[in-house]
Amino acid sequence: MNREHTKEIRIGSRVIGGGHPIAIQSMTNTKTEDADATAAQIIALEKAGCDIVRCTVPTREAAEALEQIKKRIHIPLVADIHFNYQLAIAAIEHGADKIRINPGNIGGPEHIRDVVAAARMRNIPIRVGVNSGSLEQDVIRRHGGRVTAEGLVESALDKVRMIEDFDYDNLVISIKSSDVLMCIKAYELMSEQTAYPLHVGITEAGTVFSGNVKSAVGLGILLHEGIGDTIRVSLTGDPLEEVRSAKLILRSLGLRRGGIEVVSCPTCGRTEIDLITLANQVEQMVQDIPLDLKVAVMGCVVNGPGEAKEADFGIAGGRHEGLLIRHGEIIRKVPEDQLLGALREELLRVSSPDGLS
C-alpha cells in the first residue's frame, strides 16, 4: 500500500502519511473574516467527523481572524492562499497549522523564500496544490497543447522543487482535476515519483448528487490502490455533506470504522410501506448514535428477515406494519408509524453502558 511509505507530516494535532489513518478534510464557505460564523461552521464539521479544515484567506482581515477561530475549534486549520505571499506569512503568524499555496502564482523566488522562512520558523507544512484549470501554458504546449495527467505531475513536481530549493521538505502535494480519469492517472503517476503524502480529491466535482458519484469513483479507485493520505470530497453544497460522503467512502473500503452504516433494498412491487421515506429517516436518525454496526431497512416481510441477517439490526416492512430484527432474529412486530421510534429505542438501549454492543 503506497500510503504506508509516504513521509509523515504533522498538521497541528494530526499526522498524515506513513500509514496513519486517512484524514477527512473539508473547507468552510463562510467569510473567514467573520470569526464567529466560521468557528461555528467548523465546530459543526468537527461533530460530523471532519479531521482537518481549510479556510480561504483572501484578505489581511481573514488572516487575522484565524487567531480567534483557532481558540474555539479543536481540529487543525489550513489557510488557503492565492496570489499574495504576504497573506501566507500572515496566516502562519496568526496560527494556521498548514498553508495551501501554488508557488507559481505567489510571485518570484524571493516571495517563495519568505513564505518558506515563515513556515520553517513554526514548522508549518505547506500543501503544494496544482489544478487542471490553472495549468501553465508552457506545460500545456509541451504535452500536445492540452491538459494531461503527465502535465499536472510535471507542474506539481516543479512547484515542489521550488520549495525544496530552499531546503524545506515539510510538504503535502495535491493535483486535482474535475476529469475523474485524468485525476486518477495523475495521482497514480505522482505516487510513483514522490514520497510526500498526497491530498486526494476530484476538484469541482459538482452538486451533491453528481459530485458524490464522481468522488466515489475517483477516490474509491485511488484509495483501493493505496494512494492518498488525506481526502476531500468537493461538493457544491453544505460542507457537512462533504464529510458525510468522505466517511462513507472510507467505511465502504474498510479504511475507517465507527458510525452506523445503513443499507436498504431498492424497493419492488411487494413493498407495502413508504420505504423510501423510512430509509432516509433512519439514515438521519442514526447519525448521533455512537455505535459501529450495520442497520438494514428492507421493504417486505417475504425476504426481509433473511436479507437482514448480515446486519446487526433491521426493519422489514409489511402492510401498515413491520418487523424489528436483531442479528436475523425477529424481535417483534411494530405498526408502521412506530417503526422508526422502535428502532431508535433499540439502538439507544444497545449504546447505553448496560447495553450489548
Protein backbone atom coordinates (compact mmCIF):
# COMPACT_ATOMS: atom_id res chain seq x y z
CA MET A 1 0.00 0.00 0.00
CA ASN A 2 1.62 3.24 -1.13
CA ARG A 3 0.33 5.23 1.81
CA GLU A 4 2.43 3.15 4.18
CA HIS A 5 5.57 4.51 2.55
CA THR A 6 4.77 8.21 2.38
CA LYS A 7 6.51 10.77 4.55
CA GLU A 8 4.90 11.55 7.90
CA ILE A 9 3.72 15.15 8.14
CA ARG A 10 2.25 16.72 11.29
CA ILE A 11 -0.64 19.16 10.82
CA GLY A 12 -1.46 20.57 14.22
CA SER A 13 -2.66 17.65 16.33
CA ARG A 14 -2.93 15.29 13.33
CA VAL A 15 -0.31 13.25 11.48
CA ILE A 16 -0.80 12.12 7.90
CA GLY A 17 1.34 9.85 5.78
CA GLY A 18 3.39 6.86 6.85
CA GLY A 19 0.35 4.63 7.11
CA HIS A 20 -1.56 6.85 9.55
CA PRO A 21 -5.37 6.81 9.21
CA ILE A 22 -6.63 8.76 6.23
CA ALA A 23 -7.76 12.20 7.39
CA ILE A 24 -11.03 13.71 6.17
CA GLN A 25 -10.91 17.35 5.14
CA SER A 26 -13.48 19.95 4.23
CA MET A 27 -13.50 23.68 3.60
CA THR A 28 -15.62 26.40 5.14
CA ASN A 29 -17.85 28.53 2.92
CA THR A 30 -18.31 31.36 5.40
CA LYS A 31 -16.44 34.63 5.14
CA THR A 32 -13.28 33.88 7.11
CA GLU A 33 -13.25 37.48 8.33
CA ASP A 34 -16.40 36.55 10.29
CA ALA A 35 -14.69 34.57 13.04
CA ASP A 36 -17.96 33.72 14.83
CA ALA A 37 -19.67 32.23 11.77
CA THR A 38 -16.55 30.42 10.62
CA ALA A 39 -15.84 28.89 14.03
CA ALA A 40 -19.47 27.79 14.33
CA GLN A 41 -19.31 26.04 10.97
CA ILE A 42 -16.05 24.33 11.87
CA ILE A 43 -17.49 23.04 15.14
CA ALA A 44 -20.40 21.54 13.19
CA LEU A 45 -17.89 19.94 10.81
CA GLU A 46 -15.97 18.53 13.78
CA LYS A 47 -19.13 16.89 15.10
CA ALA A 48 -19.79 15.38 11.65
CA GLY A 49 -16.33 13.77 11.63
CA CYS A 50 -14.05 16.29 9.91
CA ASP A 51 -10.37 15.85 10.84
CA ILE A 52 -8.78 18.89 9.17
CA VAL A 53 -10.49 22.06 7.94
CA ARG A 54 -9.44 24.68 5.40
CA CYS A 55 -10.41 28.35 5.23
CA THR A 56 -9.78 30.79 2.42
CA VAL A 57 -7.58 33.76 3.33
CA PRO A 58 -8.16 36.44 0.66
CA THR A 59 -7.57 39.47 2.93
CA ARG A 60 -5.44 40.62 5.83
CA GLU A 61 -8.57 40.65 7.99
CA ALA A 62 -9.15 36.98 7.19
CA ALA A 63 -5.59 36.11 8.20
CA GLU A 64 -6.02 37.95 11.50
CA ALA A 65 -9.35 36.21 12.14
CA LEU A 66 -7.59 32.83 12.15
CA GLU A 67 -6.25 33.60 15.61
CA GLN A 68 -9.74 33.96 17.06
CA ILE A 69 -11.09 30.98 15.13
CA LYS A 70 -8.26 28.76 16.40
CA LYS A 71 -9.21 29.47 20.02
CA ARG A 72 -12.70 28.00 19.51
CA ILE A 73 -12.07 24.89 17.42
CA HIS A 74 -10.42 21.53 18.08
CA ILE A 75 -9.10 20.38 14.69
CA PRO A 76 -6.16 21.63 12.60
CA LEU A 77 -6.77 24.73 10.50
CA VAL A 78 -5.38 25.15 6.98
CA ALA A 79 -5.12 28.54 5.30
CA ASP A 80 -5.86 28.61 1.56
CA ILE A 81 -3.74 31.24 -0.19
CA HIS A 82 -3.71 32.52 -3.74
CA PHE A 83 -1.55 35.22 -5.37
CA ASN A 84 -0.46 37.13 -2.24
CA TYR A 85 2.58 35.71 -0.47
CA GLN A 86 2.18 38.21 2.36
CA LEU A 87 -1.16 36.64 3.27
CA ALA A 88 0.56 33.25 3.54
CA ILE A 89 3.03 34.70 6.03
CA ALA A 90 0.25 36.49 7.92
CA ALA A 91 -1.79 33.27 8.12
CA ILE A 92 1.19 31.44 9.59
CA GLU A 93 1.78 34.23 12.10
CA HIS A 94 -1.87 34.06 13.19
CA GLY A 95 -1.90 30.35 13.89
CA ALA A 96 -2.54 28.38 10.69
CA ASP A 97 -1.50 24.75 11.13
CA LYS A 98 -0.77 24.40 7.41
CA ILE A 99 -0.92 26.62 4.35
CA ARG A 100 -2.07 25.69 0.86
CA ILE A 101 -0.33 27.59 -1.94
CA ASN A 102 0.52 27.30 -5.61
CA PRO A 103 4.13 28.54 -5.63
CA GLY A 104 3.69 29.55 -9.25
CA ASN A 105 1.13 32.25 -8.53
CA ILE A 106 2.55 33.99 -5.45
CA GLY A 107 5.44 35.74 -7.15
CA GLY A 108 9.12 35.09 -7.74
CA PRO A 109 11.66 33.03 -5.81
CA GLU A 110 12.15 35.73 -3.20
CA HIS A 111 8.46 35.51 -2.22
CA ILE A 112 8.62 31.73 -2.00
CA ARG A 113 11.76 32.08 0.13
CA ASP A 114 9.95 34.39 2.57
CA VAL A 115 6.97 32.05 2.86
CA VAL A 116 9.26 29.07 3.45
CA ALA A 117 11.17 31.01 6.11
CA ALA A 118 7.94 31.74 7.98
CA ALA A 119 6.81 28.13 7.70
CA ARG A 120 10.20 26.84 8.84
CA MET A 121 10.16 29.07 11.91
CA ARG A 122 6.94 27.41 13.15
CA ASN A 123 7.42 24.03 11.44
CA ILE A 124 4.23 24.54 9.43
CA PRO A 125 3.68 22.19 6.47
CA ILE A 126 2.98 23.58 3.03
CA ARG A 127 0.50 21.94 0.71
CA VAL A 128 1.55 22.42 -2.89
CA GLY A 129 -1.62 22.48 -4.95
CA VAL A 130 -1.96 22.30 -8.74
CA ASN A 131 -5.32 22.23 -10.56
CA SER A 132 -6.00 21.35 -14.17
CA GLY A 133 -7.82 24.64 -14.66
CA SER A 134 -4.72 26.69 -13.88
CA LEU A 135 -2.01 24.63 -15.55
CA GLU A 136 0.75 26.77 -17.07
CA GLN A 137 0.61 27.35 -20.81
CA ASP A 138 4.20 26.23 -21.39
CA VAL A 139 3.43 22.90 -19.71
CA ILE A 140 0.31 22.50 -21.85
CA ARG A 141 2.34 23.18 -25.00
CA ARG A 142 4.91 20.55 -24.04
CA HIS A 143 2.13 17.99 -23.72
CA GLY A 144 0.49 18.39 -27.09
CA GLY A 145 -1.46 21.58 -26.43
CA ARG A 146 -3.85 20.08 -23.90
CA VAL A 147 -4.09 19.43 -20.20
CA THR A 148 -2.83 15.94 -19.37
CA ALA A 149 -2.12 13.88 -16.28
CA GLU A 150 1.57 13.95 -17.17
CA GLY A 151 1.47 17.74 -17.38
CA LEU A 152 -0.19 18.03 -13.98
CA VAL A 153 2.50 15.86 -12.40
CA GLU A 154 5.28 17.83 -14.12
CA SER A 155 3.85 21.12 -12.87
CA ALA A 156 3.38 19.87 -9.30
CA LEU A 157 6.89 18.43 -9.06
CA ASP A 158 8.29 21.68 -10.46
CA LYS A 159 6.50 23.59 -7.68
CA VAL A 160 7.79 21.13 -5.09
CA ARG A 161 11.35 21.74 -6.29
CA MET A 162 10.85 25.49 -5.89
CA ILE A 163 10.33 24.90 -2.18
CA GLU A 164 12.95 22.16 -1.86
CA ASP A 165 15.48 24.62 -3.30
CA PHE A 166 15.12 26.48 -0.01
CA ASP A 167 15.88 23.27 1.90
CA TYR A 168 12.32 22.66 3.09
CA ASP A 169 10.54 19.34 2.75
CA ASN A 170 7.60 19.65 5.16
CA LEU A 171 5.26 19.24 2.21
CA VAL A 172 1.95 17.74 1.07
CA ILE A 173 1.01 17.52 -2.62
CA SER A 174 -2.36 17.77 -4.36
CA ILE A 175 -3.02 17.54 -8.10
CA LYS A 176 -6.68 17.91 -8.89
CA SER A 177 -8.90 17.81 -11.93
CA SER A 178 -12.64 17.63 -12.50
CA ASP A 179 -11.88 14.91 -15.06
CA VAL A 180 -12.07 11.73 -12.99
CA LEU A 181 -9.89 9.53 -15.21
CA MET A 182 -7.25 12.24 -15.64
CA CYS A 183 -7.19 12.78 -11.89
CA ILE A 184 -6.75 9.06 -11.22
CA LYS A 185 -3.91 8.79 -13.70
CA ALA A 186 -2.18 11.89 -12.35
CA TYR A 187 -2.20 10.59 -8.79
CA GLU A 188 -1.03 7.16 -9.93
CA LEU A 189 1.92 8.78 -11.72
CA MET A 190 2.66 11.07 -8.79
CA SER A 191 2.63 8.22 -6.27
CA GLU A 192 5.43 6.58 -8.27
CA GLN A 193 7.60 9.71 -8.23
CA THR A 194 7.40 11.10 -4.71
CA ALA A 195 7.21 10.03 -1.08
CA TYR A 196 5.35 13.15 0.03
CA PRO A 197 1.84 12.49 1.38
CA LEU A 198 -0.93 13.12 -1.13
CA HIS A 199 -4.11 15.12 -0.60
CA VAL A 200 -6.61 13.42 -2.91
CA GLY A 201 -9.85 14.70 -4.35
CA ILE A 202 -11.82 15.34 -7.52
CA THR A 203 -11.97 19.12 -7.76
CA GLU A 204 -15.11 20.96 -8.84
CA ALA A 205 -16.88 17.60 -8.78
CA GLY A 206 -20.33 19.18 -8.91
CA THR A 207 -23.55 19.11 -6.93
CA VAL A 208 -24.23 16.78 -4.02
CA PHE A 209 -25.60 14.18 -6.44
CA SER A 210 -23.12 14.29 -9.33
CA GLY A 211 -20.19 15.27 -7.14
CA ASN A 212 -20.72 12.31 -4.87
CA VAL A 213 -20.78 9.91 -7.82
CA LYS A 214 -17.59 11.32 -9.35
CA SER A 215 -15.82 11.47 -5.99
CA ALA A 216 -16.82 7.95 -5.03
CA VAL A 217 -15.46 6.61 -8.34
CA GLY A 218 -12.22 8.60 -8.31
CA LEU A 219 -11.42 8.37 -4.61
CA GLY A 220 -12.59 4.78 -4.42
CA ILE A 221 -10.16 3.66 -7.12
CA LEU A 222 -7.20 5.62 -5.73
CA LEU A 223 -7.75 4.64 -2.11
CA HIS A 224 -8.16 0.99 -3.08
CA GLU A 225 -4.80 1.25 -4.85
CA GLY A 226 -3.25 2.58 -1.65
CA ILE A 227 -2.95 6.15 -2.89
CA GLY A 228 -3.99 9.07 -0.69
CA ASP A 229 -3.21 10.18 2.85
CA THR A 230 -5.93 12.79 3.29
CA ILE A 231 -9.07 13.36 1.22
CA ARG A 232 -11.71 15.94 0.45
CA VAL A 233 -15.00 15.30 -1.32
CA SER A 234 -15.55 18.62 -3.12
CA LEU A 235 -19.27 19.36 -3.45
CA THR A 236 -21.37 22.34 -4.43
CA GLY A 237 -23.37 22.25 -1.23
CA ASP A 238 -23.19 22.20 2.54
CA PRO A 239 -19.65 21.27 3.68
CA LEU A 240 -21.25 18.81 6.12
CA GLU A 241 -22.25 16.72 3.11
CA GLU A 242 -18.58 16.50 2.12
CA VAL A 243 -17.67 14.99 5.46
CA ARG A 244 -20.56 12.54 5.48
CA SER A 245 -19.68 11.37 1.98
CA ALA A 246 -15.98 11.01 2.79
CA LYS A 247 -16.77 8.91 5.86
CA LEU A 248 -18.98 6.62 3.83
CA ILE A 249 -16.35 6.21 1.10
CA LEU A 250 -13.73 5.25 3.68
CA ARG A 251 -16.08 2.88 5.51
CA SER A 252 -17.11 1.24 2.24
CA LEU A 253 -13.45 0.49 1.52
CA GLY A 254 -12.78 -0.82 5.02
CA LEU A 255 -10.47 2.11 5.74
CA ARG A 256 -12.45 3.58 8.63
CA ARG A 257 -14.65 2.17 11.34
CA GLY A 258 -17.23 3.85 13.51
CA GLY A 259 -20.71 5.13 12.92
CA ILE A 260 -23.83 3.24 11.89
CA GLU A 261 -23.95 2.03 8.31
CA VAL A 262 -27.45 1.95 6.81
CA VAL A 263 -28.23 -0.46 3.98
CA SER A 264 -31.63 -0.62 2.30
CA CYS A 265 -33.28 -2.52 -0.52
CA PRO A 266 -34.19 -0.76 -3.80
CA THR A 267 -37.96 -1.45 -3.37
CA CYS A 268 -40.14 -3.54 -5.66
CA GLY A 269 -43.80 -4.31 -6.25
CA ARG A 270 -44.02 -6.24 -2.98
CA THR A 271 -43.27 -3.12 -0.93
CA GLU A 272 -46.24 -2.25 1.28
CA ILE A 273 -44.74 0.65 3.28
CA ASP A 274 -43.21 4.02 2.40
CA LEU A 275 -39.73 2.52 2.33
CA ILE A 276 -38.01 5.46 0.63
CA THR A 277 -39.09 7.89 3.33
CA LEU A 278 -38.35 5.38 6.09
CA ALA A 279 -34.84 4.61 4.83
CA ASN A 280 -33.99 8.32 4.65
CA GLN A 281 -35.40 8.87 8.14
CA VAL A 282 -33.30 6.00 9.50
CA GLU A 283 -30.16 7.40 7.88
CA GLN A 284 -30.74 10.77 9.54
CA MET A 285 -31.83 9.27 12.85
CA VAL A 286 -28.70 7.19 13.44
CA GLN A 287 -26.17 9.98 12.93
CA ASP A 288 -25.97 10.88 16.62
CA ILE A 289 -25.78 7.30 17.93
CA PRO A 290 -22.17 6.26 18.72
CA LEU A 291 -22.25 2.66 17.52
CA ASP A 292 -20.17 0.76 15.00
CA LEU A 293 -22.74 -1.52 13.38
CA LYS A 294 -24.98 -2.09 10.37
CA VAL A 295 -28.71 -1.39 10.12
CA ALA A 296 -30.80 -2.84 7.27
CA VAL A 297 -34.06 -1.29 6.05
CA MET A 298 -36.00 -3.83 3.94
CA GLY A 299 -39.23 -3.37 2.07
CA CYS A 300 -41.09 -6.62 2.61
CA VAL A 301 -41.54 -9.43 5.11
CA VAL A 302 -41.02 -12.10 2.45
CA ASN A 303 -37.24 -11.78 2.17
CA GLY A 304 -36.57 -9.03 4.71
CA PRO A 305 -35.55 -11.18 7.69
CA GLY A 306 -33.20 -13.26 5.56
CA GLU A 307 -31.70 -10.26 3.78
CA ALA A 308 -31.12 -8.52 7.12
CA LYS A 309 -29.13 -11.41 8.62
CA GLU A 310 -25.80 -9.78 7.85
CA ALA A 311 -26.89 -6.59 9.63
CA ASP A 312 -26.89 -6.07 13.37
CA PHE A 313 -30.40 -4.63 13.28
CA GLY A 314 -33.06 -4.48 10.63
CA ILE A 315 -36.55 -3.38 9.71
CA ALA A 316 -38.67 -5.42 7.30
CA GLY A 317 -41.85 -3.70 6.15
CA GLY A 318 -45.27 -5.25 5.74
CA ARG A 319 -48.77 -3.89 5.14
CA HIS A 320 -49.06 -0.96 7.58
CA GLU A 321 -46.58 -2.67 9.91
CA GLY A 322 -43.08 -4.06 10.04
CA LEU A 323 -40.75 -6.44 11.79
CA LEU A 324 -37.91 -5.31 14.05
CA ILE A 325 -34.98 -7.69 13.58
CA ARG A 326 -31.77 -8.25 15.51
CA HIS A 327 -29.00 -10.44 14.05
CA GLY A 328 -31.52 -12.11 11.76
CA GLU A 329 -33.99 -12.91 14.56
CA ILE A 330 -37.40 -11.23 14.72
CA ILE A 331 -37.75 -9.24 17.96
CA ARG A 332 -41.30 -8.03 17.50
CA LYS A 333 -43.94 -6.72 15.10
CA VAL A 334 -44.48 -2.95 15.13
CA PRO A 335 -47.07 -0.64 13.48
CA GLU A 336 -45.60 1.26 10.54
CA ASP A 337 -45.78 4.65 12.25
CA GLN A 338 -43.82 3.29 15.23
CA LEU A 339 -41.02 1.52 13.33
CA LEU A 340 -38.57 4.41 13.40
CA GLY A 341 -39.06 5.04 17.12
CA ALA A 342 -38.80 1.34 17.97
CA LEU A 343 -35.54 1.03 16.06
CA ARG A 344 -34.08 4.10 17.74
CA GLU A 345 -35.13 2.83 21.15
CA GLU A 346 -33.35 -0.48 20.50
CA LEU A 347 -30.19 1.22 19.24
CA LEU A 348 -30.06 3.57 22.22
CA ARG A 349 -30.51 0.63 24.56
CA VAL A 350 -27.54 -1.10 22.97
CA SER A 351 -25.43 2.08 23.10
CA SER A 352 -26.08 2.55 26.83
CA PRO A 353 -23.40 1.39 29.31
CA ASP A 354 -25.51 -1.63 30.22
CA GLY A 355 -26.40 -2.49 26.60
CA LEU A 356 -24.92 -5.20 24.43
CA SER A 357 -22.52 -3.82 21.84
